[in-house]
Amino acid sequence: MLKEFKKFIMGGNVIEFAVAVIMAGAIGLVVKGFVSMIVMPFVSHFTGGVSFKDWKIVMDQAVVDAAGKVTKPENAIMYGQWIDTIINLLIVGLVMFLIVKAYNKMKKQEEAAPAAPPEPTKEEVLLTEIRDLLKK
């Protein structure tokens, strides 16, 4: 069983999958940073300076005691953060689409270059000569 597990782990598919998961996580972090640090400030600028993260529907106000300490936190639907997440998903999807498209294009170019046919062996050359002589 240990040998089977080692064969499974050392197989190309598992290693390729692990690399793909790690790369997807890294790409996701980069795109999330791009959305939250670059795209969303532009959107906020054009929506009158309101940040998406501030958009919410307050269901229950926070309860604060006399000392200013919050005894019951605010209960709100944070739909602005959800919009931010949707934009993040769309951009990650676009980036992954472009990566897969570029990969498939490179793969097609490799497949398109046909390999030169192998040279005939000495036996094949000799048999061809015999066949041609027999035809005469």
N, C-alpha and C. Protein backbone atom coordinates (compact mmCIF):
# COMPACT_ATOMS: atom_id res chain seq x y z
N MET A 1 0.82 -1.19 0.00
CA MET A 1 0.00 0.00 0.00
C MET A 1 0.87 1.25 0.00
N LEU A 2 1.97 1.23 0.72
CA LEU A 2 2.87 2.37 0.76
C LEU A 2 3.49 2.61 -0.63
N LYS A 3 3.81 1.53 -1.34
CA LYS A 3 4.37 1.67 -2.69
C LYS A 3 3.34 2.28 -3.63
N GLU A 4 2.08 1.87 -3.49
CA GLU A 4 1.03 2.43 -4.34
C GLU A 4 0.85 3.92 -4.06
N PHE A 5 0.89 4.28 -2.78
CA PHE A 5 0.75 5.68 -2.41
C PHE A 5 1.91 6.50 -2.97
N LYS A 6 3.13 5.96 -2.86
CA LYS A 6 4.30 6.66 -3.37
C LYS A 6 4.19 6.83 -4.89
N LYS A 7 3.73 5.80 -5.58
CA LYS A 7 3.55 5.87 -7.03
C LYS A 7 2.50 6.94 -7.39
N PHE A 8 1.42 6.99 -6.61
CA PHE A 8 0.36 7.97 -6.83
C PHE A 8 0.88 9.39 -6.62
N ILE A 9 1.59 9.62 -5.51
CA ILE A 9 2.10 10.95 -5.19
C ILE A 9 3.15 11.39 -6.20
N MET A 10 4.00 10.49 -6.62
CA MET A 10 5.07 10.84 -7.54
C MET A 10 4.59 10.92 -8.99
N GLY A 11 3.35 10.56 -9.23
CA GLY A 11 2.80 10.64 -10.58
C GLY A 11 2.72 12.08 -11.03
N GLY A 12 2.83 12.29 -12.32
CA GLY A 12 2.83 13.64 -12.88
C GLY A 12 1.55 14.41 -12.61
N ASN A 13 0.41 13.74 -12.65
CA ASN A 13 -0.85 14.46 -12.50
C ASN A 13 -0.99 15.10 -11.13
N VAL A 14 -0.60 14.41 -10.08
CA VAL A 14 -0.73 14.95 -8.73
C VAL A 14 0.19 16.15 -8.54
N ILE A 15 1.40 16.05 -9.02
CA ILE A 15 2.35 17.15 -8.88
C ILE A 15 1.88 18.35 -9.70
N GLU A 16 1.42 18.11 -10.93
CA GLU A 16 0.90 19.20 -11.75
C GLU A 16 -0.30 19.86 -11.08
N PHE A 17 -1.17 19.06 -10.49
CA PHE A 17 -2.34 19.59 -9.80
C PHE A 17 -1.92 20.45 -8.61
N ALA A 18 -0.94 19.98 -7.85
CA ALA A 18 -0.47 20.73 -6.69
C ALA A 18 0.11 22.09 -7.12
N VAL A 19 0.89 22.07 -8.19
CA VAL A 19 1.46 23.32 -8.70
C VAL A 19 0.34 24.25 -9.17
N ALA A 20 -0.67 23.69 -9.82
CA ALA A 20 -1.79 24.51 -10.30
C ALA A 20 -2.55 25.14 -9.14
N VAL A 21 -2.74 24.40 -8.06
CA VAL A 21 -3.46 24.94 -6.90
C VAL A 21 -2.65 26.07 -6.27
N ILE A 22 -1.36 25.88 -6.13
CA ILE A 22 -0.51 26.92 -5.54
C ILE A 22 -0.49 28.16 -6.43
N MET A 23 -0.38 27.97 -7.74
CA MET A 23 -0.37 29.11 -8.67
C MET A 23 -1.72 29.83 -8.65
N ALA A 24 -2.81 29.07 -8.59
CA ALA A 24 -4.13 29.70 -8.56
C ALA A 24 -4.29 30.54 -7.29
N GLY A 25 -3.79 30.04 -6.17
CA GLY A 25 -3.84 30.81 -4.92
C GLY A 25 -3.05 32.10 -5.03
N ALA A 26 -1.86 32.00 -5.63
CA ALA A 26 -1.02 33.19 -5.78
C ALA A 26 -1.67 34.19 -6.73
N ILE A 27 -2.22 33.69 -7.84
CA ILE A 27 -2.89 34.59 -8.79
C ILE A 27 -4.10 35.23 -8.13
N GLY A 28 -4.82 34.45 -7.33
CA GLY A 28 -5.98 34.99 -6.63
C GLY A 28 -5.61 36.12 -5.69
N LEU A 29 -4.50 35.97 -4.97
CA LEU A 29 -4.05 37.04 -4.07
C LEU A 29 -3.65 38.29 -4.84
N VAL A 30 -2.96 38.09 -5.95
CA VAL A 30 -2.53 39.24 -6.76
C VAL A 30 -3.76 39.96 -7.32
N VAL A 31 -4.71 39.20 -7.83
CA VAL A 31 -5.91 39.83 -8.40
C VAL A 31 -6.74 40.50 -7.31
N LYS A 32 -6.84 39.87 -6.15
CA LYS A 32 -7.59 40.49 -5.05
C LYS A 32 -6.95 41.82 -4.65
N GLY A 33 -5.63 41.85 -4.59
CA GLY A 33 -4.93 43.10 -4.31
C GLY A 33 -5.17 44.13 -5.39
N PHE A 34 -5.15 43.69 -6.64
CA PHE A 34 -5.41 44.60 -7.77
C PHE A 34 -6.80 45.20 -7.66
N VAL A 35 -7.79 44.35 -7.36
CA VAL A 35 -9.17 44.84 -7.26
C VAL A 35 -9.31 45.81 -6.10
N SER A 36 -8.85 45.41 -4.91
CA SER A 36 -9.09 46.24 -3.73
C SER A 36 -8.20 47.48 -3.67
N MET A 37 -7.00 47.43 -4.25
CA MET A 37 -6.09 48.56 -4.14
C MET A 37 -6.05 49.47 -5.37
N ILE A 38 -6.51 48.98 -6.52
CA ILE A 38 -6.43 49.79 -7.74
C ILE A 38 -7.80 50.03 -8.35
N VAL A 39 -8.56 48.96 -8.59
CA VAL A 39 -9.85 49.10 -9.27
C VAL A 39 -10.88 49.79 -8.39
N MET A 40 -11.03 49.33 -7.15
CA MET A 40 -12.09 49.85 -6.29
C MET A 40 -11.90 51.33 -5.93
N PRO A 41 -10.68 51.84 -5.75
CA PRO A 41 -10.55 53.29 -5.55
C PRO A 41 -11.05 54.10 -6.76
N PHE A 42 -10.82 53.60 -7.99
CA PHE A 42 -11.37 54.27 -9.17
C PHE A 42 -12.89 54.26 -9.14
N VAL A 43 -13.47 53.10 -8.82
CA VAL A 43 -14.92 53.00 -8.74
C VAL A 43 -15.44 53.93 -7.66
N SER A 44 -14.78 53.97 -6.52
CA SER A 44 -15.18 54.84 -5.42
C SER A 44 -15.11 56.31 -5.84
N HIS A 45 -14.09 56.65 -6.59
CA HIS A 45 -13.93 58.03 -7.07
C HIS A 45 -15.13 58.44 -7.93
N PHE A 46 -15.55 57.54 -8.81
CA PHE A 46 -16.64 57.87 -9.73
C PHE A 46 -18.02 57.70 -9.12
N THR A 47 -18.09 57.15 -7.90
CA THR A 47 -19.38 57.04 -7.21
C THR A 47 -19.49 58.07 -6.09
N GLY A 48 -18.71 59.12 -6.17
CA GLY A 48 -18.81 60.21 -5.20
C GLY A 48 -18.00 59.99 -3.94
N GLY A 49 -16.96 59.19 -4.01
CA GLY A 49 -16.09 58.98 -2.86
C GLY A 49 -16.58 57.93 -1.88
N VAL A 50 -17.66 57.26 -2.21
CA VAL A 50 -18.18 56.22 -1.31
C VAL A 50 -17.47 54.91 -1.63
N SER A 51 -16.95 54.28 -0.61
CA SER A 51 -16.29 52.99 -0.78
C SER A 51 -17.34 51.89 -0.80
N PHE A 52 -17.14 50.91 -1.65
CA PHE A 52 -18.07 49.77 -1.68
C PHE A 52 -18.15 49.10 -0.32
N LYS A 53 -17.03 49.06 0.38
CA LYS A 53 -17.02 48.37 1.67
C LYS A 53 -17.92 49.06 2.69
N ASP A 54 -18.26 50.33 2.45
CA ASP A 54 -19.15 51.06 3.35
C ASP A 54 -20.62 50.83 3.02
N TRP A 55 -20.91 50.24 1.89
CA TRP A 55 -22.30 50.03 1.49
C TRP A 55 -22.87 48.86 2.29
N LYS A 56 -23.92 49.15 3.04
CA LYS A 56 -24.51 48.11 3.88
C LYS A 56 -25.95 48.48 4.22
N ILE A 57 -26.68 47.47 4.61
CA ILE A 57 -28.04 47.67 5.11
C ILE A 57 -28.01 47.28 6.58
N VAL A 58 -28.18 48.27 7.45
CA VAL A 58 -28.11 48.02 8.89
C VAL A 58 -29.46 47.46 9.35
N MET A 59 -29.41 46.28 9.92
CA MET A 59 -30.63 45.64 10.42
C MET A 59 -30.85 45.98 11.89
N ASP A 60 -29.76 45.95 12.67
CA ASP A 60 -29.81 46.32 14.10
C ASP A 60 -28.62 47.22 14.39
N GLN A 61 -28.89 48.38 15.00
CA GLN A 61 -27.82 49.30 15.36
C GLN A 61 -26.98 48.70 16.49
N ALA A 62 -25.75 49.13 16.57
CA ALA A 62 -24.89 48.71 17.67
C ALA A 62 -25.39 49.35 18.97
N VAL A 63 -25.25 48.61 20.05
CA VAL A 63 -25.65 49.13 21.37
C VAL A 63 -24.36 49.49 22.10
N VAL A 64 -24.31 50.75 22.56
CA VAL A 64 -23.12 51.27 23.24
C VAL A 64 -23.52 51.68 24.66
N ASP A 65 -22.70 51.28 25.66
CA ASP A 65 -23.03 51.67 27.04
C ASP A 65 -22.52 53.09 27.31
N ALA A 66 -22.70 53.55 28.54
CA ALA A 66 -22.35 54.93 28.91
C ALA A 66 -20.85 55.19 28.79
N ALA A 67 -20.05 54.15 28.93
CA ALA A 67 -18.60 54.32 28.85
C ALA A 67 -18.11 54.34 27.40
N GLY A 68 -19.00 54.08 26.47
CA GLY A 68 -18.61 54.08 25.06
C GLY A 68 -18.19 52.71 24.55
N LYS A 69 -18.35 51.69 25.38
CA LYS A 69 -17.98 50.33 24.98
C LYS A 69 -19.18 49.68 24.27
N VAL A 70 -18.90 49.01 23.16
CA VAL A 70 -19.95 48.35 22.38
C VAL A 70 -20.37 47.08 23.12
N THR A 71 -21.61 47.03 23.52
CA THR A 71 -22.11 45.83 24.21
C THR A 71 -22.77 44.86 23.25
N LYS A 72 -23.31 45.39 22.18
CA LYS A 72 -23.90 44.54 21.14
C LYS A 72 -23.48 45.13 19.79
N PRO A 73 -22.75 44.35 18.99
CA PRO A 73 -22.27 44.91 17.72
C PRO A 73 -23.41 45.12 16.73
N GLU A 74 -23.10 45.93 15.74
CA GLU A 74 -24.07 46.22 14.67
C GLU A 74 -24.32 44.95 13.85
N ASN A 75 -25.56 44.76 13.45
CA ASN A 75 -25.94 43.65 12.58
C ASN A 75 -26.31 44.26 11.23
N ALA A 76 -25.52 43.95 10.19
CA ALA A 76 -25.75 44.59 8.90
C ALA A 76 -25.47 43.63 7.77
N ILE A 77 -26.16 43.84 6.66
CA ILE A 77 -25.89 43.11 5.42
C ILE A 77 -24.85 43.93 4.65
N MET A 78 -23.69 43.35 4.48
CA MET A 78 -22.56 44.06 3.86
C MET A 78 -22.53 43.80 2.35
N TYR A 79 -23.49 44.33 1.63
CA TYR A 79 -23.57 44.05 0.21
C TYR A 79 -22.47 44.72 -0.59
N GLY A 80 -21.86 45.75 -0.06
CA GLY A 80 -20.73 46.40 -0.74
C GLY A 80 -19.53 45.47 -0.83
N GLN A 81 -19.24 44.76 0.24
CA GLN A 81 -18.14 43.80 0.22
C GLN A 81 -18.46 42.65 -0.74
N TRP A 82 -19.74 42.30 -0.83
CA TRP A 82 -20.15 41.25 -1.75
C TRP A 82 -19.93 41.70 -3.19
N ILE A 83 -20.24 42.96 -3.50
CA ILE A 83 -19.99 43.49 -4.85
C ILE A 83 -18.50 43.45 -5.15
N ASP A 84 -17.68 43.82 -4.17
CA ASP A 84 -16.23 43.77 -4.31
C ASP A 84 -15.78 42.35 -4.63
N THR A 85 -16.36 41.36 -3.95
CA THR A 85 -16.02 39.96 -4.18
C THR A 85 -16.43 39.52 -5.58
N ILE A 86 -17.60 39.96 -6.05
CA ILE A 86 -18.05 39.62 -7.40
C ILE A 86 -17.10 40.19 -8.44
N ILE A 87 -16.68 41.43 -8.28
CA ILE A 87 -15.73 42.03 -9.21
C ILE A 87 -14.42 41.26 -9.17
N ASN A 88 -13.98 40.88 -7.99
CA ASN A 88 -12.76 40.09 -7.83
C ASN A 88 -12.89 38.76 -8.59
N LEU A 89 -14.03 38.08 -8.45
CA LEU A 89 -14.26 36.82 -9.14
C LEU A 89 -14.20 37.00 -10.66
N LEU A 90 -14.82 38.04 -11.17
CA LEU A 90 -14.82 38.28 -12.61
C LEU A 90 -13.41 38.52 -13.13
N ILE A 91 -12.62 39.28 -12.39
CA ILE A 91 -11.26 39.56 -12.85
C ILE A 91 -10.39 38.30 -12.75
N VAL A 92 -10.53 37.52 -11.68
CA VAL A 92 -9.79 36.25 -11.58
C VAL A 92 -10.17 35.33 -12.73
N GLY A 93 -11.47 35.26 -13.03
CA GLY A 93 -11.93 34.43 -14.15
C GLY A 93 -11.32 34.89 -15.47
N LEU A 94 -11.26 36.20 -15.68
CA LEU A 94 -10.66 36.73 -16.90
C LEU A 94 -9.18 36.38 -16.99
N VAL A 95 -8.46 36.54 -15.88
CA VAL A 95 -7.03 36.23 -15.87
C VAL A 95 -6.80 34.74 -16.14
N MET A 96 -7.57 33.88 -15.49
CA MET A 96 -7.42 32.43 -15.71
C MET A 96 -7.77 32.08 -17.16
N PHE A 97 -8.81 32.71 -17.72
CA PHE A 97 -9.17 32.48 -19.12
C PHE A 97 -8.02 32.84 -20.04
N LEU A 98 -7.38 33.99 -19.80
CA LEU A 98 -6.27 34.41 -20.64
C LEU A 98 -5.08 33.47 -20.52
N ILE A 99 -4.82 32.98 -19.30
CA ILE A 99 -3.71 32.04 -19.10
C ILE A 99 -3.98 30.74 -19.85
N VAL A 100 -5.19 30.20 -19.72
CA VAL A 100 -5.54 28.94 -20.40
C VAL A 100 -5.52 29.13 -21.92
N LYS A 101 -5.99 30.27 -22.38
CA LYS A 101 -6.00 30.55 -23.82
C LYS A 101 -4.57 30.60 -24.36
N ALA A 102 -3.67 31.26 -23.64
CA ALA A 102 -2.26 31.32 -24.06
C ALA A 102 -1.62 29.93 -24.03
N TYR A 103 -1.95 29.14 -23.02
CA TYR A 103 -1.41 27.78 -22.92
C TYR A 103 -1.88 26.94 -24.09
N ASN A 104 -3.18 27.00 -24.40
CA ASN A 104 -3.71 26.22 -25.52
C ASN A 104 -3.11 26.66 -26.84
N LYS A 105 -2.86 27.94 -27.00
CA LYS A 105 -2.24 28.44 -28.23
C LYS A 105 -0.82 27.90 -28.38
N MET A 106 -0.06 27.89 -27.28
CA MET A 106 1.30 27.34 -27.34
C MET A 106 1.25 25.85 -27.63
N LYS A 107 0.30 25.15 -27.04
CA LYS A 107 0.18 23.71 -27.24
C LYS A 107 -0.16 23.39 -28.69
N LYS A 108 -1.04 24.19 -29.32
CA LYS A 108 -1.39 23.98 -30.73
C LYS A 108 -0.18 24.20 -31.62
N GLN A 109 0.65 25.18 -31.31
CA GLN A 109 1.83 25.44 -32.11
C GLN A 109 2.79 24.27 -32.03
N GLU A 110 2.92 23.66 -30.86
CA GLU A 110 3.79 22.49 -30.72
C GLU A 110 3.25 21.32 -31.52
N GLU A 111 1.93 21.13 -31.49
CA GLU A 111 1.32 20.03 -32.22
C GLU A 111 1.35 20.28 -33.73
N ALA A 112 1.29 21.54 -34.14
CA ALA A 112 1.22 21.86 -35.56
C ALA A 112 2.52 21.53 -36.29
N ALA A 113 3.64 21.60 -35.61
CA ALA A 113 4.91 21.29 -36.23
C ALA A 113 5.05 19.77 -36.36
N PRO A 114 4.80 19.23 -37.57
CA PRO A 114 4.88 17.77 -37.72
C PRO A 114 6.34 17.32 -37.67
N ALA A 115 6.51 16.18 -37.09
CA ALA A 115 7.85 15.61 -37.02
C ALA A 115 8.22 15.06 -38.39
N ALA A 116 9.48 15.21 -38.75
CA ALA A 116 9.95 14.68 -40.03
C ALA A 116 9.82 13.16 -40.01
N PRO A 117 9.39 12.58 -41.13
CA PRO A 117 9.26 11.12 -41.13
C PRO A 117 10.64 10.49 -40.94
N PRO A 118 10.69 9.40 -40.22
CA PRO A 118 11.99 8.77 -39.97
C PRO A 118 12.58 8.20 -41.26
N GLU A 119 13.87 8.22 -41.31
CA GLU A 119 14.57 7.64 -42.46
C GLU A 119 14.29 6.14 -42.51
N PRO A 120 14.12 5.60 -43.71
CA PRO A 120 13.89 4.15 -43.79
C PRO A 120 15.14 3.38 -43.35
N THR A 121 14.90 2.26 -42.73
CA THR A 121 16.03 1.43 -42.27
C THR A 121 16.71 0.78 -43.48
N LYS A 122 17.87 0.21 -43.25
CA LYS A 122 18.61 -0.46 -44.34
C LYS A 122 17.79 -1.59 -44.95
N GLU A 123 17.05 -2.30 -44.08
CA GLU A 123 16.23 -3.41 -44.56
C GLU A 123 15.11 -2.90 -45.46
N GLU A 124 14.50 -1.79 -45.07
CA GLU A 124 13.42 -1.23 -45.89
C GLU A 124 13.94 -0.76 -47.24
N VAL A 125 15.13 -0.12 -47.24
CA VAL A 125 15.73 0.33 -48.49
C VAL A 125 16.01 -0.87 -49.39
N LEU A 126 16.58 -1.93 -48.82
CA LEU A 126 16.89 -3.14 -49.58
C LEU A 126 15.62 -3.79 -50.12
N LEU A 127 14.57 -3.87 -49.30
CA LEU A 127 13.31 -4.44 -49.76
C LEU A 127 12.68 -3.60 -50.87
N THR A 128 12.80 -2.28 -50.77
CA THR A 128 12.28 -1.40 -51.82
C THR A 128 13.02 -1.64 -53.12
N GLU A 129 14.34 -1.77 -53.07
CA GLU A 129 15.13 -2.03 -54.27
C GLU A 129 14.74 -3.38 -54.89
N ILE A 130 14.56 -4.40 -54.03
CA ILE A 130 14.15 -5.73 -54.53
C ILE A 130 12.79 -5.62 -55.21
N ARG A 131 11.86 -4.91 -54.59
CA ARG A 131 10.52 -4.77 -55.16
C ARG A 131 10.60 -4.09 -56.52
N ASP A 132 11.41 -3.02 -56.60
CA ASP A 132 11.53 -2.30 -57.87
C ASP A 132 12.15 -3.18 -58.95
N LEU A 133 13.14 -3.98 -58.57
CA LEU A 133 13.77 -4.90 -59.54
C LEU A 133 12.77 -5.96 -60.01
N LEU A 134 11.95 -6.45 -59.12
CA LEU A 134 10.97 -7.48 -59.48
C LEU A 134 9.90 -6.90 -60.41
N LYS A 135 9.57 -5.63 -60.24
CA LYS A 135 8.61 -5.00 -61.13
C LYS A 135 9.15 -4.92 -62.55
N LYS A 136 10.44 -4.74 -62.72
CA LYS A 136 11.05 -4.63 -64.05
C LYS A 136 11.07 -6.00 -64.67
